[in-house]
Every structure is written in C-alpha cells, then in structure tokens.
Amino acid sequence: IGSDFYIMERIRGTVLRSDNYKKILTDKAKYKFIASEFVDTLVELHKLNINKIGLDKFGRPEGYSSRQVQGWTKRYENSKTSDISEINSVIKWLHENITESKYVSLIHNDFKYDNLVLDPNNLSVKSVLDWEMCTTGDPFMDLGTSLAYWINKDDPDYMREINLNITSNKNNPRRGEIVEMYSNRFGVQIENIIFYFVFGLFKIAVIVQQIYFRYKNGLTKDIRFKHLDLVVLSYARMAKISIEKQKIEF
C-alpha cells in the first residue's frame, strides 16, 4: 500500500479498568490470582530467548538504561511548563545513579493491568496490548515502570487520587510483594530496585507532562488535561520520597 503497516489480531476478552473491576473481581482470591498472572506474564516475556526468536538485532540493549535516563530528561526539558524542584532533584539523582543489569530481554515498556486482555471465564491472561514502545534492554527497567503504575492502598493521598488503575484496592498485593514474586520467578534478587522504581515514576511524570504541554499551549482543548500539572508534581514527589527513604513503599 506504499507505506509500512502491521496487521493486528483481534482478541476478545476482559480489560480491567477503574470503572469495571469491582464487578469482575468479587473476592480477594481473584485479586491474588490476577496479580500472579500479571507477574508470570511479565517474567515469561523477560525470559524469552531473543536470539532464538530472531530478535537479537532488535533494539540496542547495550547502554539502554543510560540512554533512557538521558532521553526522558530531554523529553521533559522539551515539554517543561514550569520549574518543579522535586523533578530537578530526581533528574540529578537518576543521572548519578544509573544502573545497568547484566540481563537483556524483550521489554514491553508499558506493562500494566489495562494493557492485558483477560479470559472472562478464569481471568488468565490471553493477550498483552500496546507494543509500540517494545524493544530490547534491561528487564528491570520494564519492571520499574510497572511498579510506578502500581499505586498501593497506603500510598499518599495525592497518589491514590490519581486512580490510574485498580491496584490501590485493599485486596491487591503491595509493590514490595510484586517485586518479591518477580524476583522468585525470574530467579534473581534485584539490586538497586530504587533506581528502577524512581525511573519509572519519572518516566510517567514526563509522559503526563508532555500531554499537559499540549493543553497548556492550546494544541488540544480537552478539559480533562487541565490539571495534569498536579499529576506531574505528584509523581515527582513520590520519586523524591523514594530516593530520600531508599524504599519503594513507605
């Protein structure tokens, strides 16, 4: 047809969102099950042998973490609308604490509940959506982004009020439990999980900032974007607290 394209298979199933999950997850056992499915699927992805599946030339895994920190910093600077001291501190810390693990995996880069299609009968994962940012690199960077989306029930109010997904429900495991599950199934204890978590928070903050930049400059009129600057500040605060406390949950 004269340009690059791809054909995507349609998968029918259930996608969990903040406005429907309570009707689907009716008891604590179901929350535990889908969390296990979530981690199992992420680990399965990260354990794929990229050489055997023909993706050894896909992406540039060497120096991946460093390029990500530099790249997202540049995206933030290009979409900056005000000076946020918390983000300035986070950027400085990230550049001084870049971590590169020895592992190279196929990584999704936006792995969260509403990018999973579940079997409506047993809630097992049928498919993973939204592969536009897929590449090869450090799998723990992928995990860090997932953890940044995973808001705990006892996180600060300003984080729980964002309500991006279902993880703040009291029946969900906490971020620390997700890391433990992942580590056990991947087969290694992750060093410097703080770096990966803080990077994930910063990355989400920048994504939101880019949307707010468009609204602030009249490139979109969508009223839903009016207060996204407060969401950016919330993620920046969370990242700064994580650095100060050297924890991923408080």
Protein backbone atom coordinates (compact mmCIF):
# COMPACT_ATOMS: atom_id res chain seq x y z
CA ILE A 1 0.00 0.00 0.00
CA GLY A 2 3.01 2.25 -0.23
CA SER A 3 3.90 2.53 3.46
CA ASP A 4 4.78 0.36 6.44
CA PHE A 5 1.88 -1.21 8.27
CA TYR A 6 1.07 -4.15 10.52
CA ILE A 7 -1.88 -6.47 10.93
CA MET A 8 -3.10 -6.91 14.49
CA GLU A 9 -5.18 -9.86 15.63
CA ARG A 10 -8.37 -9.01 17.49
CA ILE A 11 -8.50 -10.67 20.90
CA ARG A 12 -11.85 -10.81 22.68
CA GLY A 13 -11.74 -10.73 26.44
CA THR A 14 -11.89 -8.58 29.57
CA VAL A 15 -9.80 -5.48 30.27
CA LEU A 16 -9.77 -4.32 33.89
CA ARG A 17 -10.38 -0.61 34.38
CA SER A 18 -11.18 1.60 37.36
CA ASP A 19 -14.87 1.72 36.41
CA ASN A 20 -15.48 -2.02 35.97
CA TYR A 21 -13.09 -4.07 38.08
CA LYS A 22 -15.25 -4.32 41.22
CA LYS A 23 -17.91 -6.19 39.25
CA ILE A 24 -15.32 -8.64 37.96
CA LEU A 25 -13.06 -9.12 40.98
CA THR A 26 -15.60 -10.15 43.57
CA ASP A 27 -13.30 -11.66 46.21
CA LYS A 28 -9.75 -11.41 47.48
CA ALA A 29 -8.67 -14.67 45.82
CA LYS A 30 -9.30 -13.16 42.38
CA TYR A 31 -7.06 -10.18 43.15
CA LYS A 32 -4.31 -12.55 44.20
CA PHE A 33 -4.79 -14.66 41.07
CA ILE A 34 -4.58 -11.80 38.58
CA ALA A 35 -1.53 -10.36 40.37
CA SER A 36 0.14 -13.75 39.96
CA GLU A 37 -0.89 -13.81 36.30
CA PHE A 38 0.47 -10.29 35.89
CA VAL A 39 3.89 -11.22 37.27
CA ASP A 40 4.03 -14.60 35.49
CA THR A 41 3.34 -12.94 32.14
CA LEU A 42 5.97 -10.25 32.69
CA VAL A 43 8.58 -12.82 33.71
CA GLU A 44 7.65 -15.04 30.75
CA LEU A 45 8.23 -12.09 28.44
CA HIS A 46 11.56 -11.28 30.05
CA LYS A 47 12.76 -14.88 29.88
CA LEU A 48 12.23 -15.22 26.13
CA ASN A 49 15.49 -16.02 24.36
CA ILE A 50 15.77 -13.10 21.94
CA ASN A 51 18.37 -14.96 19.86
CA LYS A 52 16.14 -17.99 19.34
CA ILE A 53 13.11 -15.90 18.38
CA GLY A 54 15.03 -13.78 15.88
CA LEU A 55 15.11 -10.51 17.81
CA ASP A 56 18.83 -10.35 18.54
CA LYS A 57 19.12 -7.35 16.18
CA PHE A 58 16.01 -5.65 17.57
CA GLY A 59 16.80 -2.58 19.68
CA ARG A 60 20.11 -1.51 21.22
CA PRO A 61 20.37 -3.16 24.64
CA GLU A 62 23.90 -2.00 25.44
CA GLY A 63 23.73 1.21 27.45
CA TYR A 64 19.93 1.05 27.47
CA SER A 65 19.40 2.44 30.98
CA SER A 66 21.72 5.37 30.39
CA ARG A 67 20.01 6.29 27.13
CA GLN A 68 16.59 6.07 28.79
CA VAL A 69 17.56 8.47 31.58
CA GLN A 70 19.07 10.89 29.08
CA GLY A 71 16.19 10.56 26.62
CA TRP A 72 13.38 11.08 29.12
CA THR A 73 15.27 14.01 30.65
CA LYS A 74 15.41 15.62 27.21
CA ARG A 75 11.69 14.97 26.65
CA TYR A 76 10.94 16.63 29.96
CA GLU A 77 13.04 19.69 29.16
CA ASN A 78 11.32 20.00 25.77
CA SER A 79 7.85 19.93 27.36
CA LYS A 80 8.58 21.87 30.54
CA THR A 81 5.94 24.44 31.53
CA SER A 82 7.17 25.44 35.00
CA ASP A 83 10.07 24.80 37.34
CA ILE A 84 9.45 21.81 39.64
CA SER A 85 12.20 21.48 42.24
CA GLU A 86 11.27 17.86 43.00
CA ILE A 87 11.77 16.83 39.38
CA ASN A 88 15.07 18.69 39.22
CA SER A 89 16.29 16.67 42.23
CA VAL A 90 15.06 13.40 40.73
CA ILE A 91 16.77 14.07 37.39
CA LYS A 92 20.07 14.83 39.13
CA TRP A 93 19.82 11.65 41.23
CA LEU A 94 18.95 9.45 38.26
CA HIS A 95 21.94 10.68 36.27
CA GLU A 96 24.21 9.99 39.25
CA ASN A 97 22.80 6.52 39.97
CA ILE A 98 22.29 4.86 36.58
CA THR A 99 22.09 1.09 36.95
CA GLU A 100 22.65 -1.41 34.13
CA SER A 101 21.97 -5.06 34.97
CA LYS A 102 23.67 -7.86 33.03
CA TYR A 103 20.34 -9.13 31.69
CA VAL A 104 18.98 -8.40 28.22
CA SER A 105 15.33 -9.10 27.49
CA LEU A 106 12.48 -8.25 25.20
CA ILE A 107 10.72 -5.49 27.14
CA HIS A 108 7.23 -4.08 26.73
CA ASN A 109 7.77 -0.63 28.32
CA ASP A 110 4.14 -0.04 29.34
CA PHE A 111 3.19 -3.23 31.17
CA LYS A 112 0.14 -2.55 33.36
CA TYR A 113 -3.27 -4.04 34.07
CA ASP A 114 -5.24 -2.17 31.41
CA ASN A 115 -2.84 -3.42 28.73
CA LEU A 116 -3.77 -7.02 29.50
CA VAL A 117 -6.70 -8.88 27.94
CA LEU A 118 -8.06 -11.49 30.36
CA ASP A 119 -10.11 -14.61 29.72
CA PRO A 120 -13.56 -13.65 31.06
CA ASN A 121 -14.09 -17.19 32.37
CA ASN A 122 -11.00 -17.69 34.54
CA LEU A 123 -9.18 -14.28 34.36
CA SER A 124 -5.98 -15.78 32.93
CA VAL A 125 -4.00 -13.52 30.60
CA LYS A 126 -4.98 -14.05 26.95
CA SER A 127 -3.02 -11.24 25.36
CA VAL A 128 -0.82 -8.20 26.00
CA LEU A 129 -1.69 -4.95 24.21
CA ASP A 130 0.16 -1.76 23.26
CA TRP A 131 3.53 -2.87 21.93
CA GLU A 132 4.54 0.44 20.35
CA MET A 133 7.41 1.03 22.82
CA CYS A 134 8.67 -2.55 22.77
CA THR A 135 12.43 -3.01 22.46
CA THR A 136 15.29 -5.00 23.98
CA GLY A 137 17.11 -3.87 27.10
CA ASP A 138 17.35 -4.24 30.85
CA PRO A 139 14.22 -6.12 32.00
CA PHE A 140 14.28 -4.41 35.39
CA MET A 141 13.63 -1.07 33.67
CA ASP A 142 10.40 -2.64 32.44
CA LEU A 143 9.59 -3.84 35.95
CA GLY A 144 10.31 -0.36 37.33
CA THR A 145 7.69 1.20 35.08
CA SER A 146 5.13 -1.43 36.13
CA LEU A 147 5.89 -0.71 39.79
CA ALA A 148 5.47 3.02 39.20
CA TYR A 149 1.96 2.38 37.88
CA TRP A 150 1.24 0.11 40.87
CA ILE A 151 -0.24 2.51 43.44
CA ASN A 152 -0.52 0.97 46.92
CA LYS A 153 -3.59 1.34 49.11
CA ASP A 154 -1.45 3.12 51.72
CA ASP A 155 0.40 5.46 49.37
CA PRO A 156 -0.02 9.21 49.95
CA ASP A 157 -3.48 10.58 49.17
CA TYR A 158 -2.16 12.59 46.23
CA MET A 159 -1.10 9.32 44.55
CA ARG A 160 -4.23 7.31 45.27
CA GLU A 161 -6.41 10.13 43.97
CA ILE A 162 -4.82 9.79 40.52
CA ASN A 163 -6.73 6.50 40.19
CA LEU A 164 -4.98 5.28 37.04
CA ASN A 165 -5.68 1.64 37.74
CA ILE A 166 -7.07 -0.86 40.23
CA THR A 167 -4.01 -1.54 42.36
CA SER A 168 -4.93 0.77 45.23
CA ASN A 169 -7.80 -1.54 46.18
CA LYS A 170 -7.17 -3.05 49.62
CA ASN A 171 -7.20 -6.62 48.26
CA ASN A 172 -4.21 -6.09 45.99
CA PRO A 173 -0.67 -7.10 46.96
CA ARG A 174 1.69 -4.18 47.54
CA ARG A 175 4.65 -3.21 45.36
CA GLY A 176 7.12 -4.98 47.63
CA GLU A 177 5.19 -8.22 47.21
CA ILE A 178 5.21 -7.79 43.43
CA VAL A 179 8.98 -7.38 43.49
CA GLU A 180 9.35 -10.50 45.63
CA MET A 181 7.11 -12.51 43.30
CA TYR A 182 9.02 -11.28 40.26
CA SER A 183 12.43 -11.98 41.83
CA ASN A 184 11.45 -15.52 42.81
CA ARG A 185 10.15 -16.32 39.34
CA PHE A 186 12.91 -14.57 37.42
CA GLY A 187 15.44 -16.28 39.65
CA VAL A 188 17.49 -13.36 40.92
CA GLN A 189 17.30 -10.76 43.67
CA ILE A 190 17.23 -7.34 42.03
CA GLU A 191 19.94 -4.93 43.10
CA ASN A 192 19.09 -1.23 43.33
CA ILE A 193 15.36 -1.60 42.81
CA ILE A 194 15.11 2.03 43.95
CA PHE A 195 16.72 3.23 40.73
CA TYR A 196 14.30 1.26 38.56
CA PHE A 197 11.26 2.40 40.55
CA VAL A 198 12.31 6.06 40.59
CA PHE A 199 12.99 5.95 36.88
CA GLY A 200 9.51 4.51 36.30
CA LEU A 201 7.92 7.32 38.31
CA PHE A 202 9.94 9.92 36.42
CA LYS A 203 9.04 8.38 33.06
CA ILE A 204 5.30 8.52 33.83
CA ALA A 205 5.68 12.10 35.06
CA VAL A 206 7.26 13.05 31.73
CA ILE A 207 4.53 11.31 29.71
CA VAL A 208 1.91 13.28 31.63
CA GLN A 209 3.94 16.49 31.28
CA GLN A 210 4.01 16.06 27.50
CA ILE A 211 0.21 15.83 27.45
CA TYR A 212 -0.11 18.87 29.73
CA PHE A 213 2.30 20.80 27.50
CA ARG A 214 -0.06 20.29 24.56
CA TYR A 215 -3.01 21.53 26.62
CA LYS A 216 -1.11 24.48 28.07
CA ASN A 217 -0.07 25.61 24.58
CA GLY A 218 -3.52 25.24 23.04
CA LEU A 219 -2.65 22.19 20.94
CA THR A 220 -5.59 20.34 22.49
CA LYS A 221 -8.75 21.67 24.13
CA ASP A 222 -9.58 18.53 26.12
CA ILE A 223 -10.63 19.82 29.55
CA ARG A 224 -9.53 16.53 31.17
CA PHE A 225 -5.92 17.69 30.75
CA LYS A 226 -6.39 20.96 32.63
CA HIS A 227 -4.89 19.81 35.95
CA LEU A 228 -2.35 17.28 34.73
CA ASP A 229 0.41 19.53 36.05
CA LEU A 230 -0.67 18.38 39.52
CA VAL A 231 -0.27 14.74 38.46
CA VAL A 232 3.26 15.51 37.28
CA LEU A 233 4.02 17.06 40.67
CA SER A 234 2.58 14.01 42.48
CA TYR A 235 4.84 11.57 40.63
CA ALA A 236 7.82 13.85 41.20
CA ARG A 237 7.10 13.98 44.93
CA MET A 238 6.74 10.21 45.10
CA ALA A 239 10.08 9.73 43.34
CA LYS A 240 11.83 12.19 45.67
CA ILE A 241 10.42 10.44 48.76
CA SER A 242 11.58 7.07 47.43
CA ILE A 243 15.09 8.44 47.00
CA GLU A 244 15.13 10.01 50.46
CA LYS A 245 13.78 6.92 52.22
CA GLN A 246 15.53 4.42 49.90
CA LYS A 247 12.32 2.41 49.75
CA ILE A 248 9.68 1.64 47.15
CA GLU A 249 6.87 1.77 49.69
CA PHE A 250 6.53 3.81 52.85
